[in-house]
Amino acid sequence: MVLNALDDTVKHLHNNGMKAIISLHNANSLTGHVACDAYCEKYTNASSFYSSSEAKVDYDARLKAILEYDSPNFGQKWKYLDHVIMAFDLQNEPLIKQLHKLNDNDPDDWLCGRAGVLRNALGSSKTKVATGGIGGS
């Protein structure tokens, strides 16, 4: 499982005095140019993914599920590992190739909306919420 492998990497970083920044999804998987993941297949392209209310619900569920992951190495859910995880990126390069959305200041409120969901799901954790390099530029 991907999260188990990532948890092993986080443990290795921690054992060497470092904290992790974890990106919760790769936006390049939405474009279909390099890969086409489940979101790409369901919403057909990045533009519809970022503007769809249903996609936001789906993605918010992903965020919450990852934070609830039980770390076998630390014996806690990831959302409680602020001593190990410095930040969670909303996504790697969110809104990549979505210049119209970026120029219109994210009219569908994808960035701030997802950041709010992530922050609320983290609760009192000191783990930061990061953008992941908006637009890849």
Protein backbone atom coordinates (compact mmCIF):
# COMPACT_ATOMS: atom_id res chain seq x y z
CA MET A 1 0.00 0.00 0.00
CA VAL A 2 1.24 3.47 -0.90
CA LEU A 3 0.54 4.98 2.52
CA ASN A 4 2.48 2.20 4.26
CA ALA A 5 5.50 2.83 2.03
CA LEU A 6 5.23 6.57 2.61
CA ASP A 7 4.94 5.99 6.35
CA ASP A 8 8.21 4.03 6.22
CA THR A 9 9.83 6.98 4.44
CA VAL A 10 8.47 9.41 7.04
CA LYS A 11 9.95 7.21 9.78
CA HIS A 12 13.31 7.22 8.03
CA LEU A 13 13.20 11.03 7.79
CA HIS A 14 12.22 11.31 11.46
CA ASN A 15 15.05 8.98 12.50
CA ASN A 16 17.42 11.35 10.71
CA GLY A 17 16.09 14.51 12.34
CA MET A 18 13.89 15.72 9.48
CA LYS A 19 10.17 16.37 9.04
CA ALA A 20 8.14 15.46 5.97
CA ILE A 21 6.05 17.55 3.63
CA ILE A 22 3.43 15.26 2.12
CA SER A 23 1.64 16.11 -1.09
CA LEU A 24 -1.79 14.48 -1.09
CA HIS A 25 -2.25 14.21 -4.87
CA ASN A 26 -0.41 14.97 -8.10
CA ALA A 27 -2.40 17.40 -10.25
CA ASN A 28 -0.51 16.18 -13.32
CA SER A 29 -2.68 13.04 -13.06
CA LEU A 30 -5.72 15.15 -13.94
CA THR A 31 -4.51 16.33 -17.31
CA GLY A 32 -4.23 12.94 -19.00
CA HIS A 33 -0.95 14.01 -20.62
CA VAL A 34 1.24 11.85 -18.40
CA ALA A 35 -1.32 9.82 -16.49
CA CYS A 36 -5.04 9.69 -15.98
CA ASP A 37 -6.08 8.72 -12.47
CA ALA A 38 -9.56 8.05 -11.07
CA TYR A 39 -10.35 11.77 -10.87
CA CYS A 40 -9.29 12.29 -14.48
CA GLU A 41 -11.46 9.38 -15.58
CA LYS A 42 -14.49 10.48 -13.58
CA TYR A 43 -14.34 14.23 -14.28
CA THR A 44 -12.68 13.94 -17.74
CA ASN A 45 -10.29 16.88 -17.34
CA ALA A 46 -8.66 19.19 -14.85
CA SER A 47 -10.97 22.13 -15.54
CA SER A 48 -14.11 20.15 -14.73
CA PHE A 49 -12.42 18.58 -11.69
CA TYR A 50 -11.62 21.97 -10.15
CA SER A 51 -15.08 23.40 -10.83
CA SER A 52 -17.20 20.38 -9.87
CA SER A 53 -18.98 20.38 -6.50
CA GLU A 54 -19.01 16.58 -6.60
CA ALA A 55 -15.26 16.49 -7.23
CA LYS A 56 -14.70 18.74 -4.22
CA VAL A 57 -16.69 16.32 -2.05
CA ASP A 58 -14.67 13.40 -3.43
CA TYR A 59 -11.37 15.17 -2.90
CA ASP A 60 -12.29 16.36 0.59
CA ALA A 61 -13.03 12.73 1.49
CA ARG A 62 -9.55 11.82 0.23
CA LEU A 63 -7.96 14.51 2.41
CA LYS A 64 -9.80 13.34 5.50
CA ALA A 65 -9.07 9.65 4.83
CA ILE A 66 -5.34 10.30 4.50
CA LEU A 67 -5.25 12.29 7.74
CA GLU A 68 -7.06 9.41 9.46
CA TYR A 69 -4.46 6.89 8.26
CA ASP A 70 -3.10 4.91 11.23
CA SER A 71 0.67 5.02 11.10
CA PRO A 72 2.13 1.59 11.87
CA ASN A 73 5.48 3.24 12.64
CA PHE A 74 4.22 5.89 15.06
CA GLY A 75 1.03 4.32 16.42
CA GLN A 76 -1.08 7.40 15.71
CA LYS A 77 -3.15 8.87 12.90
CA TRP A 78 -1.16 11.06 10.54
CA LYS A 79 -3.14 14.13 11.58
CA TYR A 80 -1.52 13.87 15.02
CA LEU A 81 2.07 13.57 13.80
CA ASP A 82 3.03 17.25 13.87
CA HIS A 83 6.35 16.23 15.41
CA VAL A 84 7.02 14.18 12.25
CA ILE A 85 5.06 15.89 9.44
CA MET A 86 5.78 19.57 8.83
CA ALA A 87 3.02 20.13 6.26
CA PHE A 88 0.48 18.58 3.97
CA ASP A 89 0.36 20.00 0.44
CA LEU A 90 -3.18 20.36 -0.88
CA GLN A 91 -1.92 18.88 -4.11
CA ASN A 92 1.28 18.91 -6.14
CA GLU A 93 0.88 21.82 -8.56
CA PRO A 94 -2.85 22.47 -8.07
CA LEU A 95 -4.55 24.19 -10.99
CA ILE A 96 -1.73 23.25 -13.34
CA LYS A 97 -2.49 24.35 -16.91
CA GLN A 98 -5.58 26.19 -15.61
CA LEU A 99 -4.44 29.71 -16.44
CA HIS A 100 -8.03 30.97 -16.83
CA LYS A 101 -8.81 29.83 -13.28
CA LEU A 102 -5.56 31.26 -11.93
CA ASN A 103 -6.09 34.58 -13.71
CA ASP A 104 -9.64 34.73 -12.33
CA ASN A 105 -8.30 34.16 -8.79
CA ASP A 106 -9.60 30.58 -8.47
CA PRO A 107 -13.28 31.41 -9.09
CA ASP A 108 -14.42 27.97 -7.91
CA ASP A 109 -12.67 28.40 -4.53
CA TRP A 110 -10.75 25.17 -4.94
CA LEU A 111 -7.57 26.26 -3.16
CA CYS A 112 -9.01 28.05 -0.13
CA GLY A 113 -11.92 25.64 0.11
CA ARG A 114 -9.68 22.57 0.20
CA ALA A 115 -7.25 24.33 2.54
CA GLY A 116 -10.11 25.00 4.96
CA VAL A 117 -11.23 21.38 4.85
CA LEU A 118 -7.67 20.20 5.46
CA ARG A 119 -7.09 22.68 8.28
CA ASN A 120 -10.35 21.70 9.98
CA ALA A 121 -9.55 18.00 9.64
CA LEU A 122 -6.15 18.61 11.26
CA GLY A 123 -7.88 20.11 14.29
CA SER A 124 -5.42 21.36 16.89
CA SER A 125 -2.41 19.83 15.11
CA LYS A 126 0.48 22.19 14.46
CA THR A 127 1.04 20.59 11.05
CA LYS A 128 0.92 23.25 8.34
CA VAL A 129 -1.25 23.35 5.23
CA ALA A 130 0.70 24.17 2.06
CA THR A 131 -0.42 24.91 -1.48
CA GLY A 132 1.96 22.59 -3.31
CA GLY A 133 3.14 25.19 -5.82
CA ILE A 134 0.02 26.72 -7.37
CA GLY A 135 -0.19 26.16 -11.10
CA GLY A 136 3.28 24.68 -11.30
CA SER A 137 4.73 28.02 -12.32
